């Protein structure tokens, strides 16, 4: 299920956060995502796109046995370092 949506500044793409622990960048009207970000270990409940359109922020709630729920933020810079992905034009 989709939990969060952000519209890209160009108006042609959207970023979604979902219960399958992923964030996906889509071109509006297309069936397959342009990019998939799989850095979270929990349902992605928050997404945002920087006004410059080149950076994103995603957030997920993860439950740790010792501390309970924790909101985990993953900035795009971490995603790029882990997987070499960049937001495509």
C-alpha atoms as a PDB file:
ATOM      1  CA  UNK A   1       0.000   0.000   0.000  1.00  0.00           C
ATOM      2  CA  UNK A   2       1.113   3.558  -0.669  1.00  0.00           C
ATOM      3  CA  UNK A   3       1.567   5.570   2.538  1.00  0.00           C
ATOM      4  CA  UNK A   4       2.955   8.880   1.243  1.00  0.00           C
ATOM      5  CA  UNK A   5       3.199  10.868  -1.994  1.00  0.00           C
ATOM      6  CA  UNK A   6       5.202  13.937  -3.031  1.00  0.00           C
ATOM      7  CA  UNK A   7       4.951  15.712  -6.381  1.00  0.00           C
ATOM      8  CA  UNK A   8       8.223  16.585  -8.116  1.00  0.00           C
ATOM      9  CA  UNK A   9       8.675  20.294  -8.913  1.00  0.00           C
ATOM     10  CA  UNK A  10       8.577  19.498 -12.652  1.00  0.00           C
ATOM     11  CA  UNK A  11       4.994  18.234 -12.246  1.00  0.00           C
ATOM     12  CA  UNK A  12       5.772  15.139 -14.326  1.00  0.00           C
ATOM     13  CA  UNK A  13       7.015  12.822 -11.569  1.00  0.00           C
ATOM     14  CA  UNK A  14       5.917  11.681  -8.121  1.00  0.00           C
ATOM     15  CA  UNK A  15       7.718  10.038  -5.230  1.00  0.00           C
ATOM     16  CA  UNK A  16       5.844   7.414  -3.214  1.00  0.00           C
ATOM     17  CA  UNK A  17       6.546   5.702   0.090  1.00  0.00           C
ATOM     18  CA  UNK A  18       5.022   2.282   0.648  1.00  0.00           C
ATOM     19  CA  UNK A  19       4.398  -0.531   3.079  1.00  0.00           C
ATOM     20  CA  UNK A  20       6.878  -2.762   1.219  1.00  0.00           C
ATOM     21  CA  UNK A  21       9.755  -0.723   2.761  1.00  0.00           C
ATOM     22  CA  UNK A  22      10.484   1.139  -0.489  1.00  0.00           C
ATOM     23  CA  UNK A  23      10.272   4.633  -1.929  1.00  0.00           C
ATOM     24  CA  UNK A  24       9.740   4.866  -5.679  1.00  0.00           C
ATOM     25  CA  UNK A  25      10.078   7.647  -8.214  1.00  0.00           C
ATOM     26  CA  UNK A  26       7.435   7.459 -10.953  1.00  0.00           C
ATOM     27  CA  UNK A  27       6.746   9.348 -14.160  1.00  0.00           C
ATOM     28  CA  UNK A  28       3.051  10.208 -14.079  1.00  0.00           C
ATOM     29  CA  UNK A  29       1.124   7.967 -16.463  1.00  0.00           C
ATOM     30  CA  UNK A  30       3.724   5.179 -16.599  1.00  0.00           C
ATOM     31  CA  UNK A  31       3.308   1.714 -15.066  1.00  0.00           C
ATOM     32  CA  UNK A  32       6.888   1.080 -13.938  1.00  0.00           C
ATOM     33  CA  UNK A  33       8.954   3.204 -11.532  1.00  0.00           C
ATOM     34  CA  UNK A  34      11.934   5.188 -12.788  1.00  0.00           C
ATOM     35  CA  UNK A  35      13.843   4.361  -9.600  1.00  0.00           C
ATOM     36  CA  UNK A  36      13.321   2.288  -6.476  1.00  0.00           C
ATOM     37  CA  UNK A  37      15.003   3.106  -3.158  1.00  0.00           C
ATOM     38  CA  UNK A  38      15.244   0.155  -0.761  1.00  0.00           C
ATOM     39  CA  UNK A  39      17.240   1.604   2.135  1.00  0.00           C
ATOM     40  CA  UNK A  40      14.571   1.293   4.835  1.00  0.00           C
ATOM     41  CA  UNK A  41      13.853  -1.633   7.118  1.00  0.00           C
ATOM     42  CA  UNK A  42      10.284  -0.539   7.753  1.00  0.00           C
ATOM     43  CA  UNK A  43       7.228   0.871   6.057  1.00  0.00           C
ATOM     44  CA  UNK A  44       8.046   4.208   4.354  1.00  0.00           C
ATOM     45  CA  UNK A  45       5.547   6.677   5.808  1.00  0.00           C
ATOM     46  CA  UNK A  46       6.981  10.046   4.748  1.00  0.00           C
ATOM     47  CA  UNK A  47       8.530  11.357   1.529  1.00  0.00           C
ATOM     48  CA  UNK A  48       9.633  14.798   0.400  1.00  0.00           C
ATOM     49  CA  UNK A  49      11.336  16.272  -2.650  1.00  0.00           C
ATOM     50  CA  UNK A  50      13.596  19.307  -2.328  1.00  0.00           C
ATOM     51  CA  UNK A  51      12.428  22.311  -4.379  1.00  0.00           C
ATOM     52  CA  UNK A  52      15.501  21.930  -6.630  1.00  0.00           C
ATOM     53  CA  UNK A  53      14.155  18.492  -7.618  1.00  0.00           C
ATOM     54  CA  UNK A  54      17.519  16.792  -7.180  1.00  0.00           C
ATOM     55  CA  UNK A  55      17.219  15.576  -3.586  1.00  0.00           C
ATOM     56  CA  UNK A  56      14.703  13.539  -1.647  1.00  0.00           C
ATOM     57  CA  UNK A  57      14.080  12.627   1.967  1.00  0.00           C
ATOM     58  CA  UNK A  58      12.235   9.511   3.102  1.00  0.00           C
ATOM     59  CA  UNK A  59      11.183   8.338   6.534  1.00  0.00           C
ATOM     60  CA  UNK A  60      10.095   5.044   8.030  1.00  0.00           C
ATOM     61  CA  UNK A  61       9.082   3.777  11.417  1.00  0.00           C
ATOM     62  CA  UNK A  62      11.170   0.850  12.564  1.00  0.00           C
ATOM     63  CA  UNK A  63      10.653  -1.089  15.783  1.00  0.00           C
ATOM     64  CA  UNK A  64      13.745  -1.952  17.761  1.00  0.00           C
ATOM     65  CA  UNK A  65      13.366  -4.543  20.524  1.00  0.00           C
ATOM     66  CA  UNK A  66      15.289  -2.445  23.041  1.00  0.00           C
ATOM     67  CA  UNK A  67      13.646   0.916  22.351  1.00  0.00           C
ATOM     68  CA  UNK A  68      10.357   0.424  20.497  1.00  0.00           C
ATOM     69  CA  UNK A  69       9.364   2.518  17.472  1.00  0.00           C
ATOM     70  CA  UNK A  70      11.990   4.793  15.958  1.00  0.00           C
ATOM     71  CA  UNK A  71      11.525   7.154  13.006  1.00  0.00           C
ATOM     72  CA  UNK A  72      14.369   6.564  10.560  1.00  0.00           C
ATOM     73  CA  UNK A  73      15.217   9.291   8.033  1.00  0.00           C
ATOM     74  CA  UNK A  74      17.264   8.498   4.956  1.00  0.00           C
ATOM     75  CA  UNK A  75      18.458  11.522   2.955  1.00  0.00           C
ATOM     76  CA  UNK A  76      19.172  11.120  -0.741  1.00  0.00           C
ATOM     77  CA  UNK A  77      22.902  11.599  -0.157  1.00  0.00           C
ATOM     78  CA  UNK A  78      22.966   8.355   1.847  1.00  0.00           C
ATOM     79  CA  UNK A  79      20.994   6.586  -0.863  1.00  0.00           C
ATOM     80  CA  UNK A  80      23.433   7.762  -3.532  1.00  0.00           C
ATOM     81  CA  UNK A  81      26.412   6.561  -1.461  1.00  0.00           C
ATOM     82  CA  UNK A  82      24.860   3.153  -0.838  1.00  0.00           C
ATOM     83  CA  UNK A  83      23.597   2.409  -4.325  1.00  0.00           C
ATOM     84  CA  UNK A  84      25.008   4.995  -6.700  1.00  0.00           C
ATOM     85  CA  UNK A  85      21.485   6.151  -7.521  1.00  0.00           C
ATOM     86  CA  UNK A  86      20.691   9.712  -8.402  1.00  0.00           C
ATOM     87  CA  UNK A  87      17.354  11.293  -9.203  1.00  0.00           C
ATOM     88  CA  UNK A  88      17.051  11.031 -12.977  1.00  0.00           C
ATOM     89  CA  UNK A  89      15.886  13.979 -15.058  1.00  0.00           C
END
